[in-house]
Amino acid sequence: MKNFYNQTAQYAIPPSSEAKERYPLATGFLSGRYRQQKMRYLAIDYGTKRTGLAICDPAETIVSPLTVIQGQKELLKKIADVVKAEDVGAVVLGLPLNMDDSEGFQTKLVLRFAEQLKEHLNVPIHFQDERLSSFSAEEKLASAEFTRGKRRKRLDAIAAAEILEAFLEQKTHEDSARN
């Protein structure tokens, strides 16, 4: 497995048993200036048909679903435009590991997408385990009185918000453990 860690794009995923072995440089959060600095994060729930985006405020306290981008046409440009327009300091990309921490087909697609994304962005990119994020998003939407089509249109952005909330929660715990 290629090591996805360099100066421009730095990745982080939650430390789990197998993840620590597979991503040894990516199991902790960033050091130095990125750790203490508050910034806006953009979360991406990547999919081949739909890609959900969510964003947080600069204080990293409020996470909001942003949009769902349909298809792959100009996806990288659209994400780069959002990063610029929203003054995003880092991107959080959902990493769809299997329940046993193994990588599936979708994981490989996300890793390939991350490589393409880092060529278009000049901000750090982090991975966040996204297991059960879509399930949690579906539960949240179940109580809303939307049609199936309207739920589907919102689902990926809400899943991205779940990913970002998990990332920020873990970041807060790691920062408080260090202090």
N, C-alpha and C. Protein backbone atom coordinates (compact mmCIF):
# COMPACT_ATOMS: atom_id res chain seq x y z
N MET A 1 0.85 -1.20 0.00
CA MET A 1 0.00 0.00 0.00
C MET A 1 0.88 1.24 0.00
N LYS A 2 0.56 2.16 -0.84
CA LYS A 2 1.31 3.40 -0.95
C LYS A 2 1.10 4.24 0.30
N ASN A 3 2.15 4.89 0.75
CA ASN A 3 2.05 5.74 1.93
C ASN A 3 1.54 7.11 1.51
N PHE A 4 0.40 7.52 1.99
CA PHE A 4 -0.21 8.79 1.63
C PHE A 4 0.12 9.85 2.66
N TYR A 5 1.38 10.24 2.72
CA TYR A 5 1.78 11.26 3.68
C TYR A 5 2.89 12.08 3.07
N ASN A 6 2.66 13.36 2.94
CA ASN A 6 3.72 14.23 2.46
C ASN A 6 3.51 15.64 2.99
N GLN A 7 4.29 16.57 2.53
CA GLN A 7 4.24 17.93 3.06
C GLN A 7 2.93 18.64 2.77
N THR A 8 2.38 18.47 1.57
CA THR A 8 1.18 19.24 1.22
C THR A 8 -0.11 18.60 1.70
N ALA A 9 -0.22 17.32 1.57
CA ALA A 9 -1.45 16.63 1.99
C ALA A 9 -1.11 15.69 3.13
N GLN A 10 -1.71 15.92 4.27
CA GLN A 10 -1.46 15.09 5.43
C GLN A 10 -2.77 14.43 5.81
N TYR A 11 -2.74 13.13 6.06
CA TYR A 11 -3.94 12.38 6.29
C TYR A 11 -4.01 11.87 7.72
N ALA A 12 -5.21 11.77 8.24
CA ALA A 12 -5.39 11.22 9.57
C ALA A 12 -6.66 10.39 9.60
N ILE A 13 -6.59 9.22 10.19
CA ILE A 13 -7.76 8.38 10.40
C ILE A 13 -7.75 7.94 11.85
N PRO A 14 -8.88 7.53 12.38
CA PRO A 14 -8.92 7.10 13.76
C PRO A 14 -8.03 5.88 13.98
N PRO A 15 -7.31 5.86 15.09
CA PRO A 15 -6.46 4.71 15.35
C PRO A 15 -7.28 3.49 15.75
N SER A 16 -7.32 2.50 14.89
CA SER A 16 -7.94 1.23 15.22
C SER A 16 -6.85 0.19 15.07
N SER A 17 -7.11 -1.02 15.47
CA SER A 17 -6.08 -2.04 15.49
C SER A 17 -5.37 -2.20 14.15
N GLU A 18 -6.10 -2.49 13.11
CA GLU A 18 -5.46 -2.72 11.82
C GLU A 18 -5.07 -1.41 11.14
N ALA A 19 -5.82 -0.35 11.40
CA ALA A 19 -5.50 0.93 10.78
C ALA A 19 -4.14 1.44 11.23
N LYS A 20 -3.77 1.19 12.48
CA LYS A 20 -2.46 1.62 12.97
C LYS A 20 -1.34 0.96 12.17
N GLU A 21 -1.55 -0.28 11.78
CA GLU A 21 -0.54 -0.98 10.99
C GLU A 21 -0.54 -0.52 9.54
N ARG A 22 -1.71 -0.31 8.97
CA ARG A 22 -1.80 0.06 7.56
C ARG A 22 -1.41 1.50 7.29
N TYR A 23 -1.74 2.38 8.20
CA TYR A 23 -1.49 3.81 8.02
C TYR A 23 -0.68 4.33 9.20
N PRO A 24 0.57 3.88 9.36
CA PRO A 24 1.33 4.22 10.56
C PRO A 24 1.55 5.72 10.74
N LEU A 25 1.67 6.45 9.68
CA LEU A 25 1.89 7.89 9.82
C LEU A 25 0.59 8.67 9.86
N ALA A 26 -0.53 7.99 9.74
CA ALA A 26 -1.80 8.69 9.64
C ALA A 26 -2.74 8.38 10.79
N THR A 27 -2.25 7.82 11.87
CA THR A 27 -3.16 7.47 12.94
C THR A 27 -3.32 8.57 13.98
N GLY A 28 -2.51 9.58 13.94
CA GLY A 28 -2.65 10.69 14.87
C GLY A 28 -2.99 11.94 14.11
N PHE A 29 -3.32 12.99 14.83
CA PHE A 29 -3.62 14.24 14.17
C PHE A 29 -2.36 15.04 13.95
N LEU A 30 -2.49 16.08 13.22
CA LEU A 30 -1.34 16.84 12.76
C LEU A 30 -0.58 17.49 13.91
N SER A 31 0.70 17.65 13.69
CA SER A 31 1.52 18.29 14.70
C SER A 31 1.72 19.75 14.34
N GLY A 32 2.30 20.46 15.27
CA GLY A 32 2.69 21.84 15.01
C GLY A 32 1.54 22.78 14.77
N ARG A 33 1.69 23.60 13.74
CA ARG A 33 0.75 24.70 13.51
C ARG A 33 -0.66 24.25 13.21
N TYR A 34 -0.86 23.07 12.65
CA TYR A 34 -2.22 22.64 12.31
C TYR A 34 -3.00 22.18 13.53
N ARG A 35 -2.32 21.64 14.53
CA ARG A 35 -3.02 21.07 15.67
C ARG A 35 -3.77 22.13 16.48
N GLN A 36 -3.14 23.24 16.75
CA GLN A 36 -3.73 24.24 17.63
C GLN A 36 -4.59 25.26 16.89
N GLN A 37 -4.38 25.40 15.63
CA GLN A 37 -5.07 26.41 14.86
C GLN A 37 -6.51 25.99 14.55
N LYS A 38 -7.45 26.86 14.84
CA LYS A 38 -8.85 26.61 14.48
C LYS A 38 -9.05 27.05 13.04
N MET A 39 -9.83 26.26 12.30
CA MET A 39 -10.05 26.58 10.90
C MET A 39 -11.35 25.95 10.42
N ARG A 40 -11.74 26.32 9.24
CA ARG A 40 -12.89 25.70 8.60
C ARG A 40 -12.44 24.43 7.92
N TYR A 41 -13.18 23.37 8.18
CA TYR A 41 -12.94 22.09 7.52
C TYR A 41 -14.08 21.81 6.55
N LEU A 42 -13.74 21.20 5.43
CA LEU A 42 -14.72 20.73 4.47
C LEU A 42 -14.66 19.21 4.48
N ALA A 43 -15.78 18.56 4.76
CA ALA A 43 -15.84 17.10 4.73
C ALA A 43 -16.41 16.65 3.40
N ILE A 44 -15.88 15.54 2.89
CA ILE A 44 -16.33 14.99 1.62
C ILE A 44 -16.73 13.54 1.82
N ASP A 45 -17.96 13.22 1.46
CA ASP A 45 -18.43 11.84 1.41
C ASP A 45 -18.45 11.48 -0.08
N TYR A 46 -17.34 10.91 -0.55
CA TYR A 46 -17.15 10.66 -1.98
C TYR A 46 -17.96 9.47 -2.46
N GLY A 47 -18.56 9.64 -3.62
CA GLY A 47 -19.27 8.55 -4.28
C GLY A 47 -19.17 8.72 -5.78
N THR A 48 -19.37 7.63 -6.49
CA THR A 48 -19.26 7.71 -7.95
C THR A 48 -20.48 8.38 -8.59
N LYS A 49 -21.62 8.32 -7.91
CA LYS A 49 -22.83 8.97 -8.42
C LYS A 49 -23.09 10.32 -7.76
N ARG A 50 -22.90 10.38 -6.44
CA ARG A 50 -23.13 11.61 -5.68
C ARG A 50 -22.01 11.79 -4.66
N THR A 51 -21.61 13.03 -4.45
CA THR A 51 -20.59 13.35 -3.46
C THR A 51 -21.15 14.41 -2.53
N GLY A 52 -21.20 14.09 -1.25
CA GLY A 52 -21.74 15.02 -0.27
C GLY A 52 -20.65 15.88 0.34
N LEU A 53 -20.99 17.15 0.59
CA LEU A 53 -20.06 18.08 1.23
C LEU A 53 -20.71 18.66 2.48
N ALA A 54 -19.88 18.84 3.50
CA ALA A 54 -20.32 19.51 4.73
C ALA A 54 -19.18 20.40 5.18
N ILE A 55 -19.52 21.41 5.97
CA ILE A 55 -18.51 22.38 6.40
C ILE A 55 -18.74 22.75 7.86
N CYS A 56 -17.68 23.20 8.51
CA CYS A 56 -17.84 23.68 9.88
C CYS A 56 -17.48 25.16 9.92
N ASP A 57 -17.88 25.80 11.01
CA ASP A 57 -17.55 27.20 11.20
C ASP A 57 -16.08 27.32 11.61
N PRO A 58 -15.50 28.53 11.56
CA PRO A 58 -14.09 28.69 11.91
C PRO A 58 -13.75 28.31 13.36
N ALA A 59 -14.72 28.31 14.24
CA ALA A 59 -14.48 27.90 15.62
C ALA A 59 -14.55 26.39 15.80
N GLU A 60 -14.88 25.68 14.75
CA GLU A 60 -14.98 24.22 14.73
C GLU A 60 -16.03 23.69 15.70
N THR A 61 -17.13 24.42 15.84
CA THR A 61 -18.19 24.00 16.75
C THR A 61 -19.49 23.63 16.04
N ILE A 62 -19.77 24.25 14.91
CA ILE A 62 -21.02 24.00 14.20
C ILE A 62 -20.72 23.35 12.85
N VAL A 63 -21.30 22.18 12.62
CA VAL A 63 -21.14 21.47 11.36
C VAL A 63 -22.46 21.54 10.60
N SER A 64 -22.37 21.86 9.32
CA SER A 64 -23.57 21.99 8.50
C SER A 64 -23.40 21.23 7.19
N PRO A 65 -24.43 20.46 6.80
CA PRO A 65 -24.40 19.88 5.45
C PRO A 65 -24.36 21.03 4.45
N LEU A 66 -23.56 20.91 3.41
CA LEU A 66 -23.41 22.01 2.47
C LEU A 66 -24.15 21.74 1.16
N THR A 67 -23.77 20.70 0.47
CA THR A 67 -24.38 20.41 -0.82
C THR A 67 -24.07 18.97 -1.24
N VAL A 68 -24.76 18.52 -2.26
CA VAL A 68 -24.47 17.24 -2.89
C VAL A 68 -24.16 17.53 -4.35
N ILE A 69 -23.01 17.05 -4.80
CA ILE A 69 -22.60 17.22 -6.19
C ILE A 69 -22.95 15.94 -6.93
N GLN A 70 -23.73 16.07 -7.98
CA GLN A 70 -24.15 14.92 -8.78
C GLN A 70 -23.08 14.56 -9.81
N GLY A 71 -22.73 13.29 -9.89
CA GLY A 71 -21.83 12.81 -10.93
C GLY A 71 -20.38 13.19 -10.71
N GLN A 72 -19.58 12.91 -11.72
CA GLN A 72 -18.13 13.13 -11.65
C GLN A 72 -17.66 14.31 -12.50
N LYS A 73 -18.55 14.82 -13.35
CA LYS A 73 -18.15 15.89 -14.26
C LYS A 73 -17.72 17.13 -13.47
N GLU A 74 -16.46 17.50 -13.65
CA GLU A 74 -15.86 18.67 -13.00
C GLU A 74 -15.94 18.61 -11.47
N LEU A 75 -15.99 17.42 -10.90
CA LEU A 75 -16.08 17.27 -9.45
C LEU A 75 -14.91 17.94 -8.73
N LEU A 76 -13.70 17.69 -9.21
CA LEU A 76 -12.52 18.27 -8.56
C LEU A 76 -12.54 19.80 -8.63
N LYS A 77 -12.96 20.35 -9.75
CA LYS A 77 -13.04 21.80 -9.89
C LYS A 77 -14.10 22.37 -8.95
N LYS A 78 -15.24 21.70 -8.87
CA LYS A 78 -16.31 22.18 -7.98
C LYS A 78 -15.86 22.17 -6.53
N ILE A 79 -15.16 21.12 -6.13
CA ILE A 79 -14.65 21.06 -4.75
C ILE A 79 -13.61 22.15 -4.52
N ALA A 80 -12.71 22.35 -5.48
CA ALA A 80 -11.70 23.40 -5.36
C ALA A 80 -12.36 24.78 -5.26
N ASP A 81 -13.44 24.98 -5.99
CA ASP A 81 -14.17 26.24 -5.92
C ASP A 81 -14.78 26.45 -4.54
N VAL A 82 -15.33 25.39 -3.94
CA VAL A 82 -15.90 25.49 -2.59
C VAL A 82 -14.80 25.79 -1.58
N VAL A 83 -13.67 25.12 -1.70
CA VAL A 83 -12.55 25.34 -0.78
C VAL A 83 -12.13 26.81 -0.81
N LYS A 84 -12.05 27.36 -2.00
CA LYS A 84 -11.65 28.77 -2.14
C LYS A 84 -12.75 29.72 -1.64
N ALA A 85 -13.98 29.49 -2.07
CA ALA A 85 -15.08 30.39 -1.71
C ALA A 85 -15.37 30.39 -0.21
N GLU A 86 -15.22 29.24 0.43
CA GLU A 86 -15.55 29.12 1.85
C GLU A 86 -14.33 29.30 2.76
N ASP A 87 -13.18 29.61 2.18
CA ASP A 87 -11.94 29.80 2.93
C ASP A 87 -11.65 28.59 3.83
N VAL A 88 -11.65 27.42 3.21
CA VAL A 88 -11.44 26.16 3.92
C VAL A 88 -9.95 25.98 4.19
N GLY A 89 -9.62 25.58 5.42
CA GLY A 89 -8.23 25.38 5.81
C GLY A 89 -7.75 23.96 5.65
N ALA A 90 -8.67 22.99 5.62
CA ALA A 90 -8.31 21.58 5.46
C ALA A 90 -9.54 20.81 5.02
N VAL A 91 -9.30 19.66 4.40
CA VAL A 91 -10.36 18.80 3.90
C VAL A 91 -10.34 17.49 4.68
N VAL A 92 -11.52 16.98 4.99
CA VAL A 92 -11.67 15.68 5.65
C VAL A 92 -12.40 14.77 4.67
N LEU A 93 -11.75 13.69 4.29
CA LEU A 93 -12.30 12.77 3.30
C LEU A 93 -12.70 11.48 4.00
N GLY A 94 -13.97 11.11 3.85
CA GLY A 94 -14.45 9.88 4.46
C GLY A 94 -13.76 8.67 3.86
N LEU A 95 -13.23 7.80 4.72
CA LEU A 95 -12.55 6.59 4.27
C LEU A 95 -13.43 5.39 4.62
N PRO A 96 -13.99 4.73 3.61
CA PRO A 96 -14.95 3.65 3.85
C PRO A 96 -14.26 2.29 4.10
N LEU A 97 -13.72 2.13 5.29
CA LEU A 97 -13.14 0.84 5.66
C LEU A 97 -14.26 -0.15 5.96
N ASN A 98 -13.99 -1.43 5.75
CA ASN A 98 -14.95 -2.46 6.12
C ASN A 98 -15.01 -2.58 7.64
N MET A 99 -16.02 -3.26 8.15
CA MET A 99 -16.19 -3.39 9.60
C MET A 99 -15.00 -4.08 10.26
N ASP A 100 -14.27 -4.89 9.51
CA ASP A 100 -13.09 -5.56 10.07
C ASP A 100 -11.80 -4.79 9.81
N ASP A 101 -11.90 -3.51 9.49
CA ASP A 101 -10.78 -2.61 9.18
C ASP A 101 -10.09 -2.90 7.85
N SER A 102 -10.60 -3.82 7.07
CA SER A 102 -9.98 -4.11 5.78
C SER A 102 -10.46 -3.09 4.75
N GLU A 103 -9.72 -3.04 3.65
CA GLU A 103 -10.07 -2.14 2.56
C GLU A 103 -10.91 -2.87 1.52
N GLY A 104 -11.96 -2.23 1.08
CA GLY A 104 -12.78 -2.78 0.02
C GLY A 104 -12.57 -2.00 -1.26
N PHE A 105 -13.39 -2.30 -2.24
CA PHE A 105 -13.30 -1.62 -3.53
C PHE A 105 -13.50 -0.12 -3.39
N GLN A 106 -14.49 0.28 -2.60
CA GLN A 106 -14.78 1.71 -2.44
C GLN A 106 -13.62 2.44 -1.76
N THR A 107 -12.93 1.77 -0.84
CA THR A 107 -11.76 2.37 -0.19
C THR A 107 -10.70 2.71 -1.23
N LYS A 108 -10.46 1.80 -2.14
CA LYS A 108 -9.46 2.04 -3.18
C LYS A 108 -9.87 3.21 -4.09
N LEU A 109 -11.17 3.33 -4.36
CA LEU A 109 -11.64 4.46 -5.16
C LEU A 109 -11.40 5.78 -4.42
N VAL A 110 -11.67 5.78 -3.12
CA VAL A 110 -11.47 7.00 -2.33
C VAL A 110 -9.99 7.37 -2.28
N LEU A 111 -9.12 6.39 -2.10
CA LEU A 111 -7.68 6.67 -2.07
C LEU A 111 -7.19 7.23 -3.41
N ARG A 112 -7.72 6.70 -4.50
CA ARG A 112 -7.38 7.22 -5.83
C ARG A 112 -7.91 8.65 -5.97
N PHE A 113 -9.13 8.89 -5.50
CA PHE A 113 -9.71 10.23 -5.55
C PHE A 113 -8.87 11.20 -4.71
N ALA A 114 -8.37 10.76 -3.55
CA ALA A 114 -7.54 11.61 -2.69
C ALA A 114 -6.28 12.05 -3.42
N GLU A 115 -5.69 11.16 -4.17
CA GLU A 115 -4.50 11.51 -4.95
C GLU A 115 -4.84 12.59 -5.98
N GLN A 116 -5.97 12.47 -6.64
CA GLN A 116 -6.39 13.47 -7.62
C GLN A 116 -6.72 14.79 -6.92
N LEU A 117 -7.36 14.69 -5.78
CA LEU A 117 -7.78 15.88 -5.04
C LEU A 117 -6.59 16.70 -4.58
N LYS A 118 -5.54 16.03 -4.10
CA LYS A 118 -4.39 16.78 -3.58
C LYS A 118 -3.66 17.53 -4.68
N GLU A 119 -3.84 17.11 -5.94
CA GLU A 119 -3.25 17.84 -7.06
C GLU A 119 -4.01 19.14 -7.35
N HIS A 120 -5.27 19.22 -6.91
CA HIS A 120 -6.11 20.39 -7.18
C HIS A 120 -6.21 21.34 -5.98
N LEU A 121 -5.80 20.88 -4.81
CA LEU A 121 -5.95 21.69 -3.61
C LEU A 121 -4.60 21.98 -2.97
N ASN A 122 -4.53 23.08 -2.29
CA ASN A 122 -3.32 23.44 -1.56
C ASN A 122 -3.61 23.50 -0.06
N VAL A 123 -4.41 22.56 0.42
CA VAL A 123 -4.74 22.46 1.85
C VAL A 123 -4.51 21.02 2.29
N PRO A 124 -4.28 20.82 3.57
CA PRO A 124 -4.10 19.45 4.06
C PRO A 124 -5.38 18.63 3.86
N ILE A 125 -5.19 17.33 3.62
CA ILE A 125 -6.30 16.41 3.46
C ILE A 125 -6.18 15.34 4.53
N HIS A 126 -7.27 15.11 5.26
CA HIS A 126 -7.30 14.10 6.32
C HIS A 126 -8.29 13.02 5.94
N PHE A 127 -8.02 11.80 6.37
CA PHE A 127 -9.00 10.73 6.24
C PHE A 127 -9.73 10.59 7.57
N GLN A 128 -11.01 10.26 7.49
CA GLN A 128 -11.80 9.94 8.68
C GLN A 128 -12.60 8.69 8.38
N ASP A 129 -12.53 7.74 9.27
CA ASP A 129 -13.32 6.52 9.14
C ASP A 129 -14.78 6.90 8.99
N GLU A 130 -15.41 6.41 7.94
CA GLU A 130 -16.81 6.79 7.70
C GLU A 130 -17.78 5.65 7.91
N ARG A 131 -17.32 4.57 8.53
CA ARG A 131 -18.24 3.45 8.76
C ARG A 131 -19.48 3.93 9.49
N LEU A 132 -20.60 3.53 9.01
CA LEU A 132 -21.92 3.82 9.58
C LEU A 132 -22.35 5.28 9.45
N SER A 133 -21.60 6.12 8.75
CA SER A 133 -22.02 7.52 8.60
C SER A 133 -23.30 7.62 7.77
N SER A 134 -23.40 6.83 6.70
CA SER A 134 -24.62 6.86 5.88
C SER A 134 -25.80 6.29 6.64
N PHE A 135 -25.56 5.26 7.43
CA PHE A 135 -26.63 4.68 8.26
C PHE A 135 -27.15 5.71 9.25
N SER A 136 -26.24 6.43 9.90
CA SER A 136 -26.63 7.46 10.85
C SER A 136 -27.38 8.59 10.15
N ALA A 137 -26.92 8.96 8.96
CA ALA A 137 -27.60 10.02 8.20
C ALA A 137 -29.01 9.58 7.80
N GLU A 138 -29.16 8.31 7.41
CA GLU A 138 -30.48 7.79 7.06
C GLU A 138 -31.42 7.83 8.27
N GLU A 139 -30.90 7.49 9.45
CA GLU A 139 -31.72 7.55 10.66
C GLU A 139 -32.19 8.97 10.93
N LYS A 140 -31.31 9.94 10.74
CA LYS A 140 -31.69 11.35 10.96
C LYS A 140 -32.76 11.80 9.97
N LEU A 141 -32.65 11.34 8.73
CA LEU A 141 -33.61 11.74 7.71
C LEU A 141 -34.93 10.98 7.80
N ALA A 142 -34.93 9.83 8.46
CA ALA A 142 -36.14 9.01 8.54
C ALA A 142 -37.29 9.75 9.21
N SER A 143 -36.96 10.56 10.20
CA SER A 143 -38.02 11.28 10.92
C SER A 143 -38.54 12.49 10.14
N ALA A 144 -37.75 12.96 9.17
CA ALA A 144 -38.20 14.09 8.35
C ALA A 144 -39.21 13.60 7.34
N GLU A 145 -40.14 14.44 7.01
CA GLU A 145 -41.21 14.05 6.08
C GLU A 145 -40.83 14.41 4.65
N PHE A 146 -39.74 13.80 4.17
CA PHE A 146 -39.30 14.00 2.80
C PHE A 146 -39.69 12.79 1.97
N THR A 147 -39.85 13.03 0.68
CA THR A 147 -40.04 11.90 -0.23
C THR A 147 -38.71 11.16 -0.34
N ARG A 148 -38.76 9.95 -0.88
CA ARG A 148 -37.53 9.16 -1.03
C ARG A 148 -36.51 9.93 -1.87
N GLY A 149 -36.95 10.58 -2.92
CA GLY A 149 -36.05 11.35 -3.79
C GLY A 149 -35.39 12.51 -3.07
N LYS A 150 -36.16 13.24 -2.27
CA LYS A 150 -35.60 14.38 -1.52
C LYS A 150 -34.63 13.90 -0.44
N ARG A 151 -34.96 12.75 0.18
CA ARG A 151 -34.04 12.18 1.17
C ARG A 151 -32.72 11.80 0.52
N ARG A 152 -32.79 11.15 -0.63
CA ARG A 152 -31.59 10.72 -1.34
C ARG A 152 -30.71 11.91 -1.70
N LYS A 153 -31.34 13.03 -2.11
CA LYS A 153 -30.59 14.22 -2.49
C LYS A 153 -29.84 14.82 -1.30
N ARG A 154 -30.37 14.67 -0.10
CA ARG A 154 -29.76 15.26 1.09
C ARG A 154 -28.83 14.30 1.82
N LEU A 155 -29.01 13.02 1.60
CA LEU A 155 -28.32 11.99 2.38
C LEU A 155 -26.80 12.14 2.38
N ASP A 156 -26.19 12.36 1.23
CA ASP A 156 -24.74 12.40 1.16
C ASP A 156 -24.15 13.62 1.87
N ALA A 157 -24.84 14.75 1.83
CA ALA A 157 -24.36 15.93 2.56
C ALA A 157 -24.48 15.71 4.07
N ILE A 158 -25.54 15.04 4.49
CA ILE A 158 -25.70 14.75 5.92
C ILE A 158 -24.68 13.71 6.37
N ALA A 159 -24.38 12.74 5.50
CA ALA A 159 -23.32 11.77 5.82
C ALA A 159 -21.97 12.48 5.93
N ALA A 160 -21.71 13.45 5.06
CA ALA A 160 -20.47 14.23 5.16
C ALA A 160 -20.42 14.99 6.47
N ALA A 161 -21.57 15.51 6.92
CA ALA A 161 -21.62 16.20 8.21
C ALA A 161 -21.31 15.23 9.36
N GLU A 162 -21.80 13.99 9.26
CA GLU A 162 -21.49 12.97 10.27
C GLU A 162 -19.98 12.70 10.31
N ILE A 163 -19.37 12.62 9.15
CA ILE A 163 -17.93 12.39 9.05
C ILE A 163 -17.17 13.53 9.71
N LEU A 164 -17.58 14.76 9.41
CA LEU A 164 -16.90 15.93 9.96
C LEU A 164 -17.10 16.03 11.48
N GLU A 165 -18.30 15.72 11.95
CA GLU A 165 -18.53 15.74 13.40
C GLU A 165 -17.63 14.73 14.12
N ALA A 166 -17.50 13.53 13.54
CA ALA A 166 -16.63 12.51 14.14
C ALA A 166 -15.18 12.97 14.14
N PHE A 167 -14.75 13.58 13.04
CA PHE A 167 -13.38 14.08 12.94
C PHE A 167 -13.11 15.14 14.00
N LEU A 168 -14.01 16.12 14.11
CA LEU A 168 -13.81 17.21 15.06
C LEU A 168 -13.86 16.71 16.51
N GLU A 169 -14.73 15.75 16.77
CA GLU A 169 -14.82 15.17 18.11
C GLU A 169 -13.51 14.47 18.47
N GLN A 170 -12.98 13.69 17.55
CA GLN A 170 -11.72 13.00 17.81
C GLN A 170 -10.59 14.01 17.97
N LYS A 171 -10.57 15.04 17.14
CA LYS A 171 -9.55 16.08 17.23
C LYS A 171 -9.60 16.77 18.59
N THR A 172 -10.80 17.07 19.05
CA THR A 172 -10.96 17.72 20.36
C THR A 172 -10.44 16.82 21.48
N HIS A 173 -10.77 15.52 21.41
CA HIS A 173 -10.29 14.59 22.44
C HIS A 173 -8.76 14.48 22.43
N GLU A 174 -8.18 14.40 21.24
CA GLU A 174 -6.73 14.30 21.15
C GLU A 174 -6.06 15.58 21.61
N ASP A 175 -6.63 16.73 21.26
CA ASP A 175 -6.05 18.01 21.71
C ASP A 175 -6.14 18.15 23.23
N SER A 176 -7.27 17.76 23.83
CA SER A 176 -7.41 17.88 25.28
C SER A 176 -6.53 16.87 26.01
N ALA A 177 -6.28 15.73 25.41
CA ALA A 177 -5.40 14.74 26.03
C ALA A 177 -3.95 15.22 26.06
N ARG A 178 -3.58 16.04 25.08
CA ARG A 178 -2.23 16.57 25.03
C ARG A 178 -2.02 17.72 26.01
N ASN A 179 -3.09 18.41 26.35
CA ASN A 179 -2.97 19.60 27.24
C ASN A 179 -3.13 19.27 28.68
